[in-house]
Amino acid sequence: HRTVTDPRGWVRLDWDRANPARRTMPAYPFAPLDPTI
């Protein structure tokens, strides 16, 4: 969900970091993930 950053400040590869799709699906391209399952 991009709510945390790398603890060491190292690179993140993320084609969708600025994708407008994340406005409605913050985890895009992942489906919404329920951490309990």
Full PDB file with SEQRES, HELIX, SHEET, SSBOND, CRYST1, ORIGX, SCALE, CONECT and MASTER records, all heavy atoms in Angstrom:
SEQRES   1 A   37  HIS ARG THR VAL THR ASP PRO ARG GLY TRP VAL ARG LEU          
SEQRES   2 A   37  ASP TRP ASP ARG ALA ASN PRO ALA ARG ARG THR MET PRO          
SEQRES   3 A   37  ALA TYR PRO PHE ALA PRO LEU ASP PRO THR ILE                  
HELIX    1 AA1 PRO A   20  ARG A   23  5                                   4    
CRYST1    1.000    1.000    1.000  90.00  90.00  90.00 P 1           1          
ORIGX1      1.000000  0.000000  0.000000        0.00000                         
ORIGX2      0.000000  1.000000  0.000000        0.00000                         
ORIGX3      0.000000  0.000000  1.000000        0.00000                         
SCALE1      1.000000  0.000000  0.000000        0.00000                         
SCALE2      0.000000  1.000000  0.000000        0.00000                         
SCALE3      0.000000  0.000000  1.000000        0.00000                         
ATOM      1  N   HIS A   1       0.819  -1.216   0.000  1.00  0.00           N  
ATOM      2  CA  HIS A   1       0.000   0.000   0.000  1.00  0.00           C  
ATOM      3  C   HIS A   1       0.855   1.270   0.000  1.00  0.00           C  
ATOM      4  O   HIS A   1       0.322   2.378   0.039  1.00  0.00           O  
ATOM      5  CB  HIS A   1      -0.956   0.003   1.195  1.00  0.00           C  
ATOM      6  CG  HIS A   1      -2.165  -0.862   0.997  1.00  0.00           C  
ATOM      7  ND1 HIS A   1      -2.131  -2.234   1.099  1.00  0.00           N  
ATOM      8  CD2 HIS A   1      -3.452  -0.553   0.677  1.00  0.00           C  
ATOM      9  CE1 HIS A   1      -3.331  -2.733   0.861  1.00  0.00           C  
ATOM     10  NE2 HIS A   1      -4.152  -1.732   0.595  1.00  0.00           N  
ATOM     11  N   ARG A   2       2.186   1.117  -0.020  1.00  0.00           N  
ATOM     12  CA  ARG A   2       3.135   2.230  -0.079  1.00  0.00           C  
ATOM     13  C   ARG A   2       2.996   3.189   1.104  1.00  0.00           C  
ATOM     14  O   ARG A   2       3.191   4.405   0.978  1.00  0.00           O  
ATOM     15  CB  ARG A   2       3.005   3.040  -1.368  1.00  0.00           C  
ATOM     16  CG  ARG A   2       3.475   2.324  -2.636  1.00  0.00           C  
ATOM     17  CD  ARG A   2       2.440   1.444  -3.223  1.00  0.00           C  
ATOM     18  NE  ARG A   2       2.668   1.190  -4.653  1.00  0.00           N  
ATOM     19  CZ  ARG A   2       1.864   0.412  -5.377  1.00  0.00           C  
ATOM     20  NH1 ARG A   2       0.805  -0.181  -4.830  1.00  0.00           N  
ATOM     21  NH2 ARG A   2       2.120   0.236  -6.662  1.00  0.00           N  
ATOM     22  N   THR A   3       2.665   2.654   2.268  1.00  0.00           N  
ATOM     23  CA  THR A   3       2.545   3.506   3.451  1.00  0.00           C  
ATOM     24  C   THR A   3       3.816   3.510   4.288  1.00  0.00           C  
ATOM     25  O   THR A   3       3.876   4.208   5.312  1.00  0.00           O  
ATOM     26  CB  THR A   3       1.364   3.056   4.334  1.00  0.00           C  
ATOM     27  OG1 THR A   3       1.560   1.697   4.741  1.00  0.00           O  
ATOM     28  CG2 THR A   3       0.048   3.178   3.582  1.00  0.00           C  
ATOM     29  N   VAL A   4       4.830   2.757   3.861  1.00  0.00           N  
ATOM     30  CA  VAL A   4       6.124   2.741   4.544  1.00  0.00           C  
ATOM     31  C   VAL A   4       7.221   2.901   3.496  1.00  0.00           C  
ATOM     32  O   VAL A   4       7.013   2.651   2.304  1.00  0.00           O  
ATOM     33  CB  VAL A   4       6.343   1.438   5.344  1.00  0.00           C  
ATOM     34  CG1 VAL A   4       5.379   1.357   6.522  1.00  0.00           C  
ATOM     35  CG2 VAL A   4       6.210   0.211   4.453  1.00  0.00           C  
ATOM     36  N   THR A   5       8.393   3.302   3.949  1.00  0.00           N  
ATOM     37  CA  THR A   5       9.540   3.452   3.061  1.00  0.00           C  
ATOM     38  C   THR A   5      10.627   2.472   3.469  1.00  0.00           C  
ATOM     39  O   THR A   5      10.589   1.886   4.559  1.00  0.00           O  
ATOM     40  CB  THR A   5      10.089   4.884   3.110  1.00  0.00           C  
ATOM     41  OG1 THR A   5      10.455   5.202   4.461  1.00  0.00           O  
ATOM     42  CG2 THR A   5       9.043   5.875   2.630  1.00  0.00           C  
ATOM     43  N   ASP A   6      11.588   2.304   2.574  1.00  0.00           N  
ATOM     44  CA  ASP A   6      12.691   1.390   2.843  1.00  0.00           C  
ATOM     45  C   ASP A   6      13.475   1.870   4.059  1.00  0.00           C  
ATOM     46  O   ASP A   6      13.900   3.023   4.100  1.00  0.00           O  
ATOM     47  CB  ASP A   6      13.599   1.318   1.614  1.00  0.00           C  
ATOM     48  CG  ASP A   6      14.646   0.233   1.719  1.00  0.00           C  
ATOM     49  OD1 ASP A   6      15.477   0.307   2.658  1.00  0.00           O  
ATOM     50  OD2 ASP A   6      14.654  -0.683   0.883  1.00  0.00           O  
ATOM     51  N   PRO A   7      13.685   1.003   5.057  1.00  0.00           N  
ATOM     52  CA  PRO A   7      14.404   1.439   6.263  1.00  0.00           C  
ATOM     53  C   PRO A   7      15.818   1.916   5.985  1.00  0.00           C  
ATOM     54  O   PRO A   7      16.378   2.687   6.771  1.00  0.00           O  
ATOM     55  CB  PRO A   7      14.419   0.179   7.140  1.00  0.00           C  
ATOM     56  CG  PRO A   7      13.287  -0.663   6.652  1.00  0.00           C  
ATOM     57  CD  PRO A   7      13.203  -0.391   5.177  1.00  0.00           C  
ATOM     58  N   ARG A   8      16.413   1.483   4.871  1.00  0.00           N  
ATOM     59  CA  ARG A   8      17.788   1.880   4.571  1.00  0.00           C  
ATOM     60  C   ARG A   8      17.860   2.953   3.481  1.00  0.00           C  
ATOM     61  O   ARG A   8      18.940   3.357   3.067  1.00  0.00           O  
ATOM     62  CB  ARG A   8      18.590   0.654   4.124  1.00  0.00           C  
ATOM     63  CG  ARG A   8      18.474  -0.512   5.081  1.00  0.00           C  
ATOM     64  CD  ARG A   8      19.403  -1.642   4.701  1.00  0.00           C  
ATOM     65  NE  ARG A   8      19.003  -2.885   5.332  1.00  0.00           N  
ATOM     66  CZ  ARG A   8      19.749  -3.985   5.379  1.00  0.00           C  
ATOM     67  NH1 ARG A   8      20.939  -3.979   4.818  1.00  0.00           N  
ATOM     68  NH2 ARG A   8      19.306  -5.086   5.967  1.00  0.00           N  
ATOM     69  N   GLY A   9      16.712   3.362   2.978  1.00  0.00           N  
ATOM     70  CA  GLY A   9      16.691   4.365   1.913  1.00  0.00           C  
ATOM     71  C   GLY A   9      17.084   3.819   0.559  1.00  0.00           C  
ATOM     72  O   GLY A   9      17.428   4.588  -0.345  1.00  0.00           O  
ATOM     73  N   TRP A  10      16.986   2.510   0.384  1.00  0.00           N  
ATOM     74  CA  TRP A  10      17.405   1.898  -0.874  1.00  0.00           C  
ATOM     75  C   TRP A  10      16.264   1.919  -1.880  1.00  0.00           C  
ATOM     76  O   TRP A  10      15.147   2.309  -1.583  1.00  0.00           O  
ATOM     77  CB  TRP A  10      17.927   0.487  -0.635  1.00  0.00           C  
ATOM     78  CG  TRP A  10      19.246   0.478   0.102  1.00  0.00           C  
ATOM     79  CD1 TRP A  10      20.009   1.573   0.421  1.00  0.00           C  
ATOM     80  CD2 TRP A  10      19.939  -0.662   0.629  1.00  0.00           C  
ATOM     81  NE1 TRP A  10      21.138   1.176   1.104  1.00  0.00           N  
ATOM     82  CE2 TRP A  10      21.131  -0.180   1.236  1.00  0.00           C  
ATOM     83  CE3 TRP A  10      19.683  -2.029   0.628  1.00  0.00           C  
ATOM     84  CZ2 TRP A  10      22.046  -1.032   1.847  1.00  0.00           C  
ATOM     85  CZ3 TRP A  10      20.601  -2.877   1.241  1.00  0.00           C  
ATOM     86  CH2 TRP A  10      21.773  -2.382   1.839  1.00  0.00           C  
ATOM     87  N   VAL A  11      16.546   1.452  -3.087  1.00  0.00           N  
ATOM     88  CA  VAL A  11      15.654   1.668  -4.210  1.00  0.00           C  
ATOM     89  C   VAL A  11      14.343   0.895  -4.070  1.00  0.00           C  
ATOM     90  O   VAL A  11      14.305  -0.206  -3.503  1.00  0.00           O  
ATOM     91  CB  VAL A  11      16.367   1.290  -5.535  1.00  0.00           C  
ATOM     92  CG1 VAL A  11      16.520  -0.213  -5.671  1.00  0.00           C  
ATOM     93  CG2 VAL A  11      15.654   1.873  -6.742  1.00  0.00           C  
ATOM     94  N   ARG A  12      13.299   1.497  -4.591  1.00  0.00           N  
ATOM     95  CA  ARG A  12      11.993   0.853  -4.748  1.00  0.00           C  
ATOM     96  C   ARG A  12      11.704   0.826  -6.241  1.00  0.00           C  
ATOM     97  O   ARG A  12      11.837   1.854  -6.916  1.00  0.00           O  
ATOM     98  CB  ARG A  12      10.926   1.683  -4.026  1.00  0.00           C  
ATOM     99  CG  ARG A  12       9.499   1.225  -4.220  1.00  0.00           C  
ATOM    100  CD  ARG A  12       8.515   2.283  -3.753  1.00  0.00           C  
ATOM    101  NE  ARG A  12       8.554   3.467  -4.603  1.00  0.00           N  
ATOM    102  CZ  ARG A  12       8.970   4.665  -4.220  1.00  0.00           C  
ATOM    103  NH1 ARG A  12       9.416   4.870  -2.995  1.00  0.00           N  
ATOM    104  NH2 ARG A  12       8.975   5.693  -5.071  1.00  0.00           N  
ATOM    105  N   LEU A  13      11.330  -0.322  -6.773  1.00  0.00           N  
ATOM    106  CA  LEU A  13      10.913  -0.411  -8.170  1.00  0.00           C  
ATOM    107  C   LEU A  13       9.395  -0.526  -8.183  1.00  0.00           C  
ATOM    108  O   LEU A  13       8.833  -1.477  -7.638  1.00  0.00           O  
ATOM    109  CB  LEU A  13      11.544  -1.632  -8.856  1.00  0.00           C  
ATOM    110  CG  LEU A  13      13.072  -1.700  -8.842  1.00  0.00           C  
ATOM    111  CD1 LEU A  13      13.553  -2.929  -9.624  1.00  0.00           C  
ATOM    112  CD2 LEU A  13      13.701  -0.433  -9.397  1.00  0.00           C  
ATOM    113  N   ASP A  14       8.759   0.444  -8.807  1.00  0.00           N  
ATOM    114  CA  ASP A  14       7.301   0.508  -8.712  1.00  0.00           C  
ATOM    115  C   ASP A  14       6.764   1.279  -9.914  1.00  0.00           C  
ATOM    116  O   ASP A  14       6.693   2.502  -9.893  1.00  0.00           O  
ATOM    117  CB  ASP A  14       6.915   1.188  -7.403  1.00  0.00           C  
ATOM    118  CG  ASP A  14       5.414   1.244  -7.177  1.00  0.00           C  
ATOM    119  OD1 ASP A  14       4.657   0.691  -8.005  1.00  0.00           O  
ATOM    120  OD2 ASP A  14       4.993   1.833  -6.159  1.00  0.00           O  
ATOM    121  N   TRP A  15       6.384   0.551 -10.942  1.00  0.00           N  
ATOM    122  CA  TRP A  15       5.833   1.186 -12.136  1.00  0.00           C  
ATOM    123  C   TRP A  15       4.597   2.019 -11.829  1.00  0.00           C  
ATOM    124  O   TRP A  15       4.287   2.971 -12.554  1.00  0.00           O  
ATOM    125  CB  TRP A  15       5.460   0.116 -13.158  1.00  0.00           C  
ATOM    126  CG  TRP A  15       6.582  -0.478 -13.931  1.00  0.00           C  
ATOM    127  CD1 TRP A  15       7.894  -0.568 -13.560  1.00  0.00           C  
ATOM    128  CD2 TRP A  15       6.494  -1.064 -15.228  1.00  0.00           C  
ATOM    129  NE1 TRP A  15       8.623  -1.192 -14.535  1.00  0.00           N  
ATOM    130  CE2 TRP A  15       7.798  -1.510 -15.570  1.00  0.00           C  
ATOM    131  CE3 TRP A  15       5.457  -1.281 -16.118  1.00  0.00           C  
ATOM    132  CZ2 TRP A  15       8.068  -2.146 -16.780  1.00  0.00           C  
ATOM    133  CZ3 TRP A  15       5.726  -1.913 -17.317  1.00  0.00           C  
ATOM    134  CH2 TRP A  15       7.024  -2.337 -17.646  1.00  0.00           C  
ATOM    135  N   ASP A  16       3.888   1.656 -10.790  1.00  0.00           N  
ATOM    136  CA  ASP A  16       2.576   2.257 -10.530  1.00  0.00           C  
ATOM    137  C   ASP A  16       2.590   3.264  -9.385  1.00  0.00           C  
ATOM    138  O   ASP A  16       1.533   3.633  -8.874  1.00  0.00           O  
ATOM    139  CB  ASP A  16       1.563   1.144 -10.236  1.00  0.00           C  
ATOM    140  CG  ASP A  16       1.379   0.220 -11.418  1.00  0.00           C  
ATOM    141  OD1 ASP A  16       0.887   0.687 -12.451  1.00  0.00           O  
ATOM    142  OD2 ASP A  16       1.751  -0.958 -11.318  1.00  0.00           O  
ATOM    143  N   ARG A  17       3.772   3.734  -9.007  1.00  0.00           N  
ATOM    144  CA  ARG A  17       3.848   4.636  -7.858  1.00  0.00           C  
ATOM    145  C   ARG A  17       3.006   5.891  -8.066  1.00  0.00           C  
ATOM    146  O   ARG A  17       2.443   6.431  -7.112  1.00  0.00           O  
ATOM    147  CB  ARG A  17       5.304   4.999  -7.571  1.00  0.00           C  
ATOM    148  CG  ARG A  17       5.965   5.762  -8.705  1.00  0.00           C  
ATOM    149  CD  ARG A  17       7.482   5.866  -8.528  1.00  0.00           C  
ATOM    150  NE  ARG A  17       8.082   6.505  -9.694  1.00  0.00           N  
ATOM    151  CZ  ARG A  17       8.353   5.890 -10.836  1.00  0.00           C  
ATOM    152  NH1 ARG A  17       8.074   4.597 -10.953  1.00  0.00           N  
ATOM    153  NH2 ARG A  17       8.888   6.524 -11.847  1.00  0.00           N  
ATOM    154  N   ALA A  18       2.905   6.371  -9.327  1.00  0.00           N  
ATOM    155  CA  ALA A  18       2.131   7.581  -9.612  1.00  0.00           C  
ATOM    156  C   ALA A  18       0.910   7.282 -10.471  1.00  0.00           C  
ATOM    157  O   ALA A  18       0.328   8.191 -11.054  1.00  0.00           O  
ATOM    158  CB  ALA A  18       3.020   8.613 -10.294  1.00  0.00           C  
ATOM    159  N   ASN A  19       0.510   6.036 -10.544  1.00  0.00           N  
ATOM    160  CA  ASN A  19      -0.618   5.647 -11.395  1.00  0.00           C  
ATOM    161  C   ASN A  19      -1.934   6.155 -10.798  1.00  0.00           C  
ATOM    162  O   ASN A  19      -2.223   5.896  -9.623  1.00  0.00           O  
ATOM    163  CB  ASN A  19      -0.653   4.112 -11.506  1.00  0.00           C  
ATOM    164  CG  ASN A  19      -1.602   3.620 -12.582  1.00  0.00           C  
ATOM    165  OD1 ASN A  19      -2.632   4.239 -12.859  1.00  0.00           O  
ATOM    166  ND2 ASN A  19      -1.268   2.500 -13.188  1.00  0.00           N  
ATOM    167  N   PRO A  20      -2.748   6.874 -11.569  1.00  0.00           N  
ATOM    168  CA  PRO A  20      -4.038   7.341 -11.035  1.00  0.00           C  
ATOM    169  C   PRO A  20      -4.940   6.206 -10.549  1.00  0.00           C  
ATOM    170  O   PRO A  20      -5.865   6.463  -9.764  1.00  0.00           O  
ATOM    171  CB  PRO A  20      -4.663   8.074 -12.236  1.00  0.00           C  
ATOM    172  CG  PRO A  20      -3.513   8.456 -13.102  1.00  0.00           C  
ATOM    173  CD  PRO A  20      -2.495   7.369 -12.945  1.00  0.00           C  
ATOM    174  N   ALA A  21      -4.694   4.979 -11.012  1.00  0.00           N  
ATOM    175  CA  ALA A  21      -5.496   3.852 -10.536  1.00  0.00           C  
ATOM    176  C   ALA A  21      -5.414   3.692  -9.027  1.00  0.00           C  
ATOM    177  O   ALA A  21      -6.342   3.163  -8.397  1.00  0.00           O  
ATOM    178  CB  ALA A  21      -5.032   2.557 -11.217  1.00  0.00           C  
ATOM    179  N   ARG A  22      -4.328   4.173  -8.426  1.00  0.00           N  
ATOM    180  CA  ARG A  22      -4.153   4.009  -6.983  1.00  0.00           C  
ATOM    181  C   ARG A  22      -5.080   4.905  -6.170  1.00  0.00           C  
ATOM    182  O   ARG A  22      -5.210   4.730  -4.955  1.00  0.00           O  
ATOM    183  CB  ARG A  22      -2.698   4.247  -6.604  1.00  0.00           C  
ATOM    184  CG  ARG A  22      -1.744   3.207  -7.185  1.00  0.00           C  
ATOM    185  CD  ARG A  22      -0.352   3.281  -6.583  1.00  0.00           C  
ATOM    186  NE  ARG A  22      -0.439   3.195  -5.145  1.00  0.00           N  
ATOM    187  CZ  ARG A  22       0.114   4.079  -4.301  1.00  0.00           C  
ATOM    188  NH1 ARG A  22       0.786   5.117  -4.767  1.00  0.00           N  
ATOM    189  NH2 ARG A  22      -0.015   3.931  -3.007  1.00  0.00           N  
ATOM    190  N   ARG A  23      -5.747   5.850  -6.844  1.00  0.00           N  
ATOM    191  CA  ARG A  23      -6.704   6.684  -6.111  1.00  0.00           C  
ATOM    192  C   ARG A  23      -7.890   5.869  -5.633  1.00  0.00           C  
ATOM    193  O   ARG A  23      -8.485   6.148  -4.599  1.00  0.00           O  
ATOM    194  CB  ARG A  23      -7.178   7.827  -7.004  1.00  0.00           C  
ATOM    195  CG  ARG A  23      -6.083   8.805  -7.398  1.00  0.00           C  
ATOM    196  CD  ARG A  23      -6.556   9.786  -8.460  1.00  0.00           C  
ATOM    197  NE  ARG A  23      -5.454  10.581  -8.990  1.00  0.00           N  
ATOM    198  CZ  ARG A  23      -5.503  11.272 -10.110  1.00  0.00           C  
ATOM    199  NH1 ARG A  23      -6.646  11.293 -10.817  1.00  0.00           N  
ATOM    200  NH2 ARG A  23      -4.459  11.966 -10.527  1.00  0.00           N  
ATOM    201  N   THR A  24      -8.258   4.850  -6.404  1.00  0.00           N  
ATOM    202  CA  THR A  24      -9.380   3.997  -6.019  1.00  0.00           C  
ATOM    203  C   THR A  24      -8.922   2.633  -5.504  1.00  0.00           C  
ATOM    204  O   THR A  24      -9.673   1.960  -4.809  1.00  0.00           O  
ATOM    205  CB  THR A  24     -10.340   3.781  -7.209  1.00  0.00           C  
ATOM    206  OG1 THR A  24      -9.596   3.274  -8.324  1.00  0.00           O  
ATOM    207  CG2 THR A  24     -10.990   5.094  -7.602  1.00  0.00           C  
ATOM    208  N   MET A  25      -7.700   2.233  -5.856  1.00  0.00           N  
ATOM    209  CA  MET A  25      -7.159   0.955  -5.407  1.00  0.00           C  
ATOM    210  C   MET A  25      -5.712   1.195  -4.972  1.00  0.00           C  
ATOM    211  O   MET A  25      -4.779   1.036  -5.759  1.00  0.00           O  
ATOM    212  CB  MET A  25      -7.227  -0.094  -6.524  1.00  0.00           C  
ATOM    213  CG  MET A  25      -6.835  -1.487  -6.090  1.00  0.00           C  
ATOM    214  SD  MET A  25      -6.996  -2.695  -7.443  1.00  0.00           S  
ATOM    215  CE  MET A  25      -8.790  -2.752  -7.617  1.00  0.00           C  
ATOM    216  N   PRO A  26      -5.508   1.592  -3.711  1.00  0.00           N  
ATOM    217  CA  PRO A  26      -4.172   2.018  -3.276  1.00  0.00           C  
ATOM    218  C   PRO A  26      -3.088   0.967  -3.458  1.00  0.00           C  
ATOM    219  O   PRO A  26      -1.919   1.331  -3.635  1.00  0.00           O  
ATOM    220  CB  PRO A  26      -4.376   2.344  -1.793  1.00  0.00           C  
ATOM    221  CG  PRO A  26      -5.820   2.694  -1.681  1.00  0.00           C  
ATOM    222  CD  PRO A  26      -6.521   1.795  -2.666  1.00  0.00           C  
ATOM    223  N   ALA A  27      -3.443  -0.313  -3.441  1.00  0.00           N  
ATOM    224  CA  ALA A  27      -2.439  -1.366  -3.584  1.00  0.00           C  
ATOM    225  C   ALA A  27      -2.184  -1.743  -5.043  1.00  0.00           C  
ATOM    226  O   ALA A  27      -1.384  -2.650  -5.300  1.00  0.00           O  
ATOM    227  CB  ALA A  27      -2.859  -2.614  -2.809  1.00  0.00           C  
ATOM    228  N   TYR A  28      -2.845  -1.100  -6.001  1.00  0.00           N  
ATOM    229  CA  TYR A  28      -2.695  -1.451  -7.410  1.00  0.00           C  
ATOM    230  C   TYR A  28      -1.211  -1.580  -7.782  1.00  0.00           C  
ATOM    231  O   TYR A  28      -0.399  -0.754  -7.391  1.00  0.00           O  
ATOM    232  CB  TYR A  28      -3.345  -0.364  -8.278  1.00  0.00           C  
ATOM    233  CG  TYR A  28      -3.360  -0.692  -9.751  1.00  0.00           C  
ATOM    234  CD1 TYR A  28      -4.396  -1.417 -10.303  1.00  0.00           C  
ATOM    235  CD2 TYR A  28      -2.314  -0.294 -10.588  1.00  0.00           C  
ATOM    236  CE1 TYR A  28      -4.400  -1.736 -11.662  1.00  0.00           C  
ATOM    237  CE2 TYR A  28      -2.308  -0.606 -11.930  1.00  0.00           C  
ATOM    238  CZ  TYR A  28      -3.356  -1.329 -12.467  1.00  0.00           C  
ATOM    239  OH  TYR A  28      -3.340  -1.651 -13.794  1.00  0.00           O  
ATOM    240  N   PRO A  29      -0.865  -2.664  -8.511  1.00  0.00           N  
ATOM    241  CA  PRO A  29      -1.688  -3.644  -9.225  1.00  0.00           C  
ATOM    242  C   PRO A  29      -2.105  -4.866  -8.406  1.00  0.00           C  
ATOM    243  O   PRO A  29      -2.654  -5.815  -8.941  1.00  0.00           O  
ATOM    244  CB  PRO A  29      -0.775  -4.061 -10.368  1.00  0.00           C  
ATOM    245  CG  PRO A  29       0.593  -3.999  -9.777  1.00  0.00           C  
ATOM    246  CD  PRO A  29       0.567  -2.810  -8.859  1.00  0.00           C  
ATOM    247  N   PHE A  30      -1.816  -4.834  -7.115  1.00  0.00           N  
ATOM    248  CA  PHE A  30      -2.306  -5.898  -6.249  1.00  0.00           C  
ATOM    249  C   PHE A  30      -3.795  -5.693  -5.981  1.00  0.00           C  
ATOM    250  O   PHE A  30      -4.272  -4.564  -5.877  1.00  0.00           O  
ATOM    251  CB  PHE A  30      -1.575  -5.883  -4.909  1.00  0.00           C  
ATOM    252  CG  PHE A  30      -0.100  -6.155  -5.002  1.00  0.00           C  
ATOM    253  CD1 PHE A  30       0.810  -5.116  -5.138  1.00  0.00           C  
ATOM    254  CD2 PHE A  30       0.386  -7.453  -4.938  1.00  0.00           C  
ATOM    255  CE1 PHE A  30       2.177  -5.357  -5.225  1.00  0.00           C  
ATOM    256  CE2 PHE A  30       1.749  -7.708  -5.020  1.00  0.00           C  
ATOM    257  CZ  PHE A  30       2.646  -6.654  -5.168  1.00  0.00           C  
ATOM    258  N   ALA A  31      -4.513  -6.811  -5.837  1.00  0.00           N  
ATOM    259  CA  ALA A  31      -5.882  -6.725  -5.331  1.00  0.00           C  
ATOM    260  C   ALA A  31      -5.816  -6.297  -3.870  1.00  0.00           C  
ATOM    261  O   ALA A  31      -4.786  -6.478  -3.213  1.00  0.00           O  
ATOM    262  CB  ALA A  31      -6.571  -8.077  -5.462  1.00  0.00           C  
ATOM    263  N   PRO A  32      -6.885  -5.716  -3.333  1.00  0.00           N  
ATOM    264  CA  PRO A  32      -6.865  -5.381  -1.903  1.00  0.00           C  
ATOM    265  C   PRO A  32      -6.515  -6.613  -1.078  1.00  0.00           C  
ATOM    266  O   PRO A  32      -7.095  -7.687  -1.262  1.00  0.00           O  
ATOM    267  CB  PRO A  32      -8.302  -4.908  -1.643  1.00  0.00           C  
ATOM    268  CG  PRO A  32      -8.768  -4.412  -2.972  1.00  0.00           C  
ATOM    269  CD  PRO A  32      -8.137  -5.317  -3.987  1.00  0.00           C  
ATOM    270  N   LEU A  33      -5.529  -6.484  -0.210  1.00  0.00           N  
ATOM    271  CA  LEU A  33      -5.011  -7.623   0.541  1.00  0.00           C  
ATOM    272  C   LEU A  33      -5.477  -7.575   1.985  1.00  0.00           C  
ATOM    273  O   LEU A  33      -5.292  -6.573   2.673  1.00  0.00           O  
ATOM    274  CB  LEU A  33      -3.482  -7.615   0.506  1.00  0.00           C  
ATOM    275  CG  LEU A  33      -2.830  -7.774  -0.866  1.00  0.00           C  
ATOM    276  CD1 LEU A  33      -1.331  -7.527  -0.770  1.00  0.00           C  
ATOM    277  CD2 LEU A  33      -3.100  -9.157  -1.417  1.00  0.00           C  
ATOM    278  N   ASP A  34      -6.092  -8.638   2.430  1.00  0.00           N  
ATOM    279  CA  ASP A  34      -6.468  -8.771   3.831  1.00  0.00           C  
ATOM    280  C   ASP A  34      -5.328  -9.495   4.544  1.00  0.00           C  
ATOM    281  O   ASP A  34      -5.083 -10.679   4.282  1.00  0.00           O  
ATOM    282  CB  ASP A  34      -7.760  -9.581   3.946  1.00  0.00           C  
ATOM    283  CG  ASP A  34      -8.256  -9.687   5.385  1.00  0.00           C  
ATOM    284  OD1 ASP A  34      -7.441  -9.502   6.311  1.00  0.00           O  
ATOM    285  OD2 ASP A  34      -9.447  -9.990   5.578  1.00  0.00           O  
ATOM    286  N   PRO A  35      -4.596  -8.813   5.426  1.00  0.00           N  
ATOM    287  CA  PRO A  35      -3.429  -9.457   6.029  1.00  0.00           C  
ATOM    288  C   PRO A  35      -3.762 -10.672   6.875  1.00  0.00           C  
ATOM    289  O   PRO A  35      -2.891 -11.512   7.124  1.00  0.00           O  
ATOM    290  CB  PRO A  35      -2.811  -8.340   6.881  1.00  0.00           C  
ATOM    291  CG  PRO A  35      -3.884  -7.328   7.058  1.00  0.00           C  
ATOM    292  CD  PRO A  35      -4.759  -7.414   5.853  1.00  0.00           C  
ATOM    293  N   THR A  36      -5.012 -10.810   7.292  1.00  0.00           N  
ATOM    294  CA  THR A  36      -5.361 -11.973   8.109  1.00  0.00           C  
ATOM    295  C   THR A  36      -5.458 -13.255   7.295  1.00  0.00           C  
ATOM    296  O   THR A  36      -5.326 -14.349   7.840  1.00  0.00           O  
ATOM    297  CB  THR A  36      -6.685 -11.739   8.854  1.00  0.00           C  
ATOM    298  OG1 THR A  36      -7.752 -11.588   7.896  1.00  0.00           O  
ATOM    299  CG2 THR A  36      -6.602 -10.505   9.731  1.00  0.00           C  
ATOM    300  N   ILE A  37      -5.688 -13.134   5.974  1.00  0.00           N  
ATOM    301  CA  ILE A  37      -5.789 -14.336   5.152  1.00  0.00           C  
ATOM    302  C   ILE A  37      -4.641 -14.473   4.153  1.00  0.00           C  
ATOM    303  O   ILE A  37      -4.503 -15.503   3.509  1.00  0.00           O  
ATOM    304  CB  ILE A  37      -7.137 -14.388   4.394  1.00  0.00           C  
ATOM    305  CG1 ILE A  37      -7.255 -13.222   3.409  1.00  0.00           C  
ATOM    306  CG2 ILE A  37      -8.299 -14.391   5.376  1.00  0.00           C  
ATOM    307  CD1 ILE A  37      -8.471 -13.319   2.509  1.00  0.00           C  
TER     308      ILE A  37                                                      
MASTER        0    0    0    1    0    0    0    6  307    1    0    3          
END                                                                             
